[in-house]
Amino acid sequence: MAIVEVSVVPIGTGSTSVSEYVAACHRVLKEETRINYQLTPMATILEGDLDLLLEVVRKLHEVPYGKGAERVYTTIRIDDRRDKDTSMERKVQAVESKL
């Protein structure tokens, strides 16, 4: 299972706020029952099969265009560990157990 951090930022919208676009992306995520996701203050974390996650990232990248943006800057970071099963929760627990 892969964990992907994604941040989708519309550029040139006339406003410094992006919460409207983030909310629109999360409406798309609510329809994706095959993955887990978590909103954070700076990005959204996705968890699931890598091919599926990349498909979802593509959908998220398109969301601002559907709201009138003419340029979108999307960043992704992928943690694809194949030697054992992992999850968002397990990664956090691993750190918290050492505190």
N, C-alpha and C. Protein backbone atom coordinates (compact mmCIF):
# COMPACT_ATOMS: atom_id res chain seq x y z
N MET A 1 0.84 -1.18 0.00
CA MET A 1 0.00 0.00 0.00
C MET A 1 0.89 1.24 0.00
N ALA A 2 0.50 2.20 -0.78
CA ALA A 2 1.26 3.45 -0.88
C ALA A 2 0.57 4.55 -0.08
N ILE A 3 1.37 5.52 0.30
CA ILE A 3 0.87 6.72 0.95
C ILE A 3 1.36 7.89 0.11
N VAL A 4 0.44 8.76 -0.28
CA VAL A 4 0.76 9.88 -1.15
C VAL A 4 0.30 11.17 -0.49
N GLU A 5 1.19 12.15 -0.47
CA GLU A 5 0.82 13.49 -0.03
C GLU A 5 0.60 14.32 -1.28
N VAL A 6 -0.54 15.01 -1.35
CA VAL A 6 -0.85 15.82 -2.53
C VAL A 6 -1.31 17.20 -2.10
N SER A 7 -0.87 18.19 -2.85
CA SER A 7 -1.29 19.56 -2.65
C SER A 7 -1.60 20.16 -4.01
N VAL A 8 -2.82 20.63 -4.19
CA VAL A 8 -3.29 21.18 -5.46
C VAL A 8 -3.55 22.67 -5.25
N VAL A 9 -2.82 23.50 -5.99
CA VAL A 9 -2.91 24.95 -5.80
C VAL A 9 -3.26 25.65 -7.11
N PRO A 10 -4.42 26.31 -7.16
CA PRO A 10 -4.74 27.11 -8.34
C PRO A 10 -3.93 28.40 -8.31
N ILE A 11 -3.51 28.84 -9.46
CA ILE A 11 -2.70 30.06 -9.56
C ILE A 11 -3.45 31.08 -10.41
N GLY A 12 -3.38 32.34 -9.98
CA GLY A 12 -3.97 33.41 -10.76
C GLY A 12 -5.48 33.50 -10.65
N THR A 13 -6.02 33.19 -9.48
CA THR A 13 -7.47 33.22 -9.32
C THR A 13 -7.98 34.55 -8.79
N GLY A 14 -7.08 35.44 -8.42
CA GLY A 14 -7.49 36.73 -7.90
C GLY A 14 -7.67 36.75 -6.40
N SER A 15 -7.43 35.60 -5.74
CA SER A 15 -7.57 35.52 -4.29
C SER A 15 -6.42 34.68 -3.73
N THR A 16 -6.00 35.01 -2.53
CA THR A 16 -4.95 34.22 -1.88
C THR A 16 -5.53 33.00 -1.17
N SER A 17 -6.83 32.93 -1.01
CA SER A 17 -7.47 31.81 -0.34
C SER A 17 -7.62 30.62 -1.29
N VAL A 18 -7.35 29.42 -0.78
CA VAL A 18 -7.53 28.21 -1.58
C VAL A 18 -8.53 27.24 -0.95
N SER A 19 -9.14 27.61 0.17
CA SER A 19 -10.02 26.68 0.89
C SER A 19 -11.20 26.23 0.03
N GLU A 20 -11.70 27.09 -0.83
CA GLU A 20 -12.81 26.72 -1.72
C GLU A 20 -12.39 25.57 -2.64
N TYR A 21 -11.15 25.62 -3.13
CA TYR A 21 -10.63 24.59 -4.02
C TYR A 21 -10.33 23.31 -3.26
N VAL A 22 -9.81 23.44 -2.06
CA VAL A 22 -9.54 22.27 -1.22
C VAL A 22 -10.86 21.55 -0.92
N ALA A 23 -11.88 22.31 -0.58
CA ALA A 23 -13.19 21.71 -0.30
C ALA A 23 -13.72 20.99 -1.53
N ALA A 24 -13.54 21.58 -2.70
CA ALA A 24 -14.00 20.93 -3.93
C ALA A 24 -13.24 19.63 -4.18
N CYS A 25 -11.95 19.62 -3.89
CA CYS A 25 -11.16 18.39 -4.02
C CYS A 25 -11.66 17.33 -3.06
N HIS A 26 -12.01 17.74 -1.85
CA HIS A 26 -12.47 16.77 -0.87
C HIS A 26 -13.86 16.24 -1.19
N ARG A 27 -14.65 16.99 -1.92
CA ARG A 27 -15.92 16.44 -2.40
C ARG A 27 -15.66 15.31 -3.39
N VAL A 28 -14.62 15.46 -4.21
CA VAL A 28 -14.22 14.39 -5.13
C VAL A 28 -13.74 13.18 -4.32
N LEU A 29 -12.95 13.42 -3.29
CA LEU A 29 -12.43 12.32 -2.48
C LEU A 29 -13.53 11.54 -1.77
N LYS A 30 -14.59 12.21 -1.38
CA LYS A 30 -15.70 11.52 -0.71
C LYS A 30 -16.32 10.45 -1.61
N GLU A 31 -16.20 10.62 -2.91
CA GLU A 31 -16.73 9.65 -3.87
C GLU A 31 -15.78 8.46 -4.07
N GLU A 32 -14.54 8.59 -3.63
CA GLU A 32 -13.53 7.54 -3.81
C GLU A 32 -13.55 6.58 -2.62
N THR A 33 -14.32 5.52 -2.73
CA THR A 33 -14.47 4.58 -1.62
C THR A 33 -13.33 3.57 -1.52
N ARG A 34 -12.47 3.52 -2.52
CA ARG A 34 -11.40 2.51 -2.53
C ARG A 34 -10.10 3.00 -1.89
N ILE A 35 -10.10 4.24 -1.39
CA ILE A 35 -8.88 4.77 -0.75
C ILE A 35 -9.25 5.40 0.59
N ASN A 36 -8.23 5.59 1.41
CA ASN A 36 -8.37 6.37 2.64
C ASN A 36 -7.68 7.71 2.41
N TYR A 37 -8.16 8.73 3.09
CA TYR A 37 -7.52 10.04 2.95
C TYR A 37 -7.67 10.82 4.24
N GLN A 38 -6.79 11.80 4.39
CA GLN A 38 -6.81 12.65 5.57
C GLN A 38 -6.40 14.06 5.17
N LEU A 39 -7.23 15.01 5.54
CA LEU A 39 -6.93 16.43 5.33
C LEU A 39 -5.98 16.89 6.43
N THR A 40 -4.92 17.59 6.06
CA THR A 40 -4.02 18.21 7.02
C THR A 40 -3.99 19.71 6.72
N PRO A 41 -3.39 20.51 7.58
CA PRO A 41 -3.36 21.95 7.32
C PRO A 41 -2.61 22.36 6.05
N MET A 42 -1.71 21.51 5.57
CA MET A 42 -0.87 21.90 4.44
C MET A 42 -1.06 21.04 3.19
N ALA A 43 -1.71 19.89 3.32
CA ALA A 43 -1.85 18.98 2.18
C ALA A 43 -2.91 17.94 2.54
N THR A 44 -3.13 17.02 1.63
CA THR A 44 -4.01 15.89 1.87
C THR A 44 -3.20 14.62 1.69
N ILE A 45 -3.40 13.66 2.59
CA ILE A 45 -2.69 12.39 2.54
C ILE A 45 -3.67 11.34 2.01
N LEU A 46 -3.21 10.58 1.02
CA LEU A 46 -4.01 9.51 0.43
C LEU A 46 -3.33 8.19 0.72
N GLU A 47 -4.13 7.13 0.89
CA GLU A 47 -3.58 5.81 1.20
C GLU A 47 -4.31 4.77 0.37
N GLY A 48 -3.56 3.90 -0.32
CA GLY A 48 -4.18 2.85 -1.11
C GLY A 48 -3.22 2.32 -2.16
N ASP A 49 -3.77 1.65 -3.16
CA ASP A 49 -3.00 1.12 -4.27
C ASP A 49 -2.40 2.28 -5.07
N LEU A 50 -1.12 2.20 -5.40
CA LEU A 50 -0.44 3.32 -6.05
C LEU A 50 -1.09 3.72 -7.37
N ASP A 51 -1.43 2.75 -8.20
CA ASP A 51 -2.05 3.09 -9.48
C ASP A 51 -3.35 3.85 -9.27
N LEU A 52 -4.14 3.42 -8.31
CA LEU A 52 -5.40 4.09 -8.01
C LEU A 52 -5.15 5.49 -7.45
N LEU A 53 -4.15 5.61 -6.58
CA LEU A 53 -3.84 6.93 -6.00
C LEU A 53 -3.42 7.91 -7.08
N LEU A 54 -2.63 7.46 -8.03
CA LEU A 54 -2.21 8.36 -9.11
C LEU A 54 -3.40 8.76 -9.98
N GLU A 55 -4.35 7.87 -10.16
CA GLU A 55 -5.58 8.20 -10.87
C GLU A 55 -6.38 9.27 -10.11
N VAL A 56 -6.43 9.12 -8.80
CA VAL A 56 -7.15 10.10 -7.97
C VAL A 56 -6.44 11.45 -7.99
N VAL A 57 -5.10 11.43 -7.92
CA VAL A 57 -4.35 12.69 -7.98
C VAL A 57 -4.67 13.42 -9.27
N ARG A 58 -4.78 12.70 -10.36
CA ARG A 58 -5.12 13.33 -11.64
C ARG A 58 -6.49 14.01 -11.57
N LYS A 59 -7.46 13.33 -10.95
CA LYS A 59 -8.80 13.93 -10.78
C LYS A 59 -8.71 15.19 -9.93
N LEU A 60 -7.94 15.14 -8.86
CA LEU A 60 -7.80 16.30 -7.98
C LEU A 60 -7.15 17.46 -8.71
N HIS A 61 -6.15 17.16 -9.53
CA HIS A 61 -5.45 18.19 -10.31
C HIS A 61 -6.42 18.93 -11.24
N GLU A 62 -7.43 18.25 -11.73
CA GLU A 62 -8.39 18.84 -12.66
C GLU A 62 -9.44 19.71 -11.97
N VAL A 63 -9.64 19.52 -10.67
CA VAL A 63 -10.71 20.23 -9.96
C VAL A 63 -10.63 21.75 -10.13
N PRO A 64 -9.50 22.41 -9.91
CA PRO A 64 -9.46 23.87 -10.06
C PRO A 64 -9.80 24.34 -11.48
N TYR A 65 -9.44 23.55 -12.48
CA TYR A 65 -9.80 23.92 -13.85
C TYR A 65 -11.32 23.97 -14.01
N GLY A 66 -12.00 23.04 -13.36
CA GLY A 66 -13.45 23.03 -13.41
C GLY A 66 -14.09 24.20 -12.69
N LYS A 67 -13.30 24.89 -11.86
CA LYS A 67 -13.79 26.06 -11.15
C LYS A 67 -13.26 27.35 -11.76
N GLY A 68 -12.68 27.26 -12.96
CA GLY A 68 -12.25 28.46 -13.67
C GLY A 68 -10.77 28.80 -13.62
N ALA A 69 -9.98 28.06 -12.85
CA ALA A 69 -8.54 28.34 -12.82
C ALA A 69 -7.92 28.05 -14.18
N GLU A 70 -6.93 28.83 -14.54
CA GLU A 70 -6.25 28.61 -15.82
C GLU A 70 -4.86 28.01 -15.64
N ARG A 71 -4.41 27.93 -14.39
CA ARG A 71 -3.11 27.31 -14.10
C ARG A 71 -3.22 26.62 -12.75
N VAL A 72 -2.65 25.42 -12.66
CA VAL A 72 -2.71 24.65 -11.41
C VAL A 72 -1.32 24.08 -11.13
N TYR A 73 -0.88 24.23 -9.90
CA TYR A 73 0.41 23.72 -9.46
C TYR A 73 0.14 22.61 -8.44
N THR A 74 0.45 21.37 -8.81
CA THR A 74 0.20 20.22 -7.95
C THR A 74 1.52 19.58 -7.56
N THR A 75 1.68 19.33 -6.27
CA THR A 75 2.86 18.61 -5.80
C THR A 75 2.41 17.30 -5.19
N ILE A 76 3.22 16.25 -5.42
CA ILE A 76 2.94 14.96 -4.80
C ILE A 76 4.24 14.38 -4.25
N ARG A 77 4.10 13.70 -3.12
CA ARG A 77 5.20 12.93 -2.54
C ARG A 77 4.66 11.53 -2.31
N ILE A 78 5.42 10.52 -2.71
CA ILE A 78 4.96 9.14 -2.64
C ILE A 78 5.86 8.34 -1.71
N ASP A 79 5.24 7.64 -0.77
CA ASP A 79 5.93 6.67 0.09
C ASP A 79 5.34 5.31 -0.27
N ASP A 80 6.08 4.52 -1.03
CA ASP A 80 5.61 3.23 -1.53
C ASP A 80 6.50 2.14 -0.96
N ARG A 81 6.16 1.68 0.22
CA ARG A 81 6.96 0.66 0.91
C ARG A 81 6.41 -0.72 0.55
N ARG A 82 7.29 -1.60 0.06
CA ARG A 82 6.83 -2.90 -0.40
C ARG A 82 7.36 -4.06 0.43
N ASP A 83 8.18 -3.77 1.45
CA ASP A 83 8.70 -4.86 2.27
C ASP A 83 7.74 -5.28 3.38
N LYS A 84 6.75 -4.42 3.71
CA LYS A 84 5.73 -4.78 4.68
C LYS A 84 4.55 -3.84 4.52
N ASP A 85 3.41 -4.28 5.06
CA ASP A 85 2.21 -3.43 5.00
C ASP A 85 2.39 -2.23 5.91
N THR A 86 1.89 -1.10 5.46
CA THR A 86 1.94 0.11 6.26
C THR A 86 0.65 0.90 6.05
N SER A 87 0.48 1.91 6.86
CA SER A 87 -0.69 2.78 6.73
C SER A 87 -0.34 4.12 7.35
N MET A 88 -1.20 5.10 7.12
CA MET A 88 -1.00 6.41 7.75
C MET A 88 -0.94 6.24 9.26
N GLU A 89 -1.87 5.48 9.78
CA GLU A 89 -1.95 5.29 11.23
C GLU A 89 -0.71 4.60 11.79
N ARG A 90 -0.24 3.56 11.12
CA ARG A 90 0.96 2.86 11.60
C ARG A 90 2.19 3.76 11.57
N LYS A 91 2.30 4.61 10.56
CA LYS A 91 3.46 5.51 10.50
C LYS A 91 3.46 6.48 11.68
N VAL A 92 2.29 6.99 12.02
CA VAL A 92 2.18 7.90 13.17
C VAL A 92 2.46 7.14 14.46
N GLN A 93 1.90 5.96 14.59
CA GLN A 93 2.12 5.15 15.80
C GLN A 93 3.60 4.82 16.00
N ALA A 94 4.30 4.56 14.91
CA ALA A 94 5.73 4.23 15.01
C ALA A 94 6.51 5.39 15.64
N VAL A 95 6.17 6.61 15.28
CA VAL A 95 6.84 7.78 15.85
C VAL A 95 6.39 8.00 17.29
N GLU A 96 5.09 7.92 17.51
CA GLU A 96 4.56 8.19 18.87
C GLU A 96 5.08 7.16 19.87
N SER A 97 5.33 5.93 19.44
CA SER A 97 5.84 4.92 20.36
C SER A 97 7.26 5.22 20.82
N LYS A 98 7.94 6.07 20.08
CA LYS A 98 9.32 6.42 20.42
C LYS A 98 9.41 7.72 21.23
N LEU A 99 8.29 8.38 21.44
CA LEU A 99 8.29 9.63 22.19
C LEU A 99 8.25 9.39 23.69
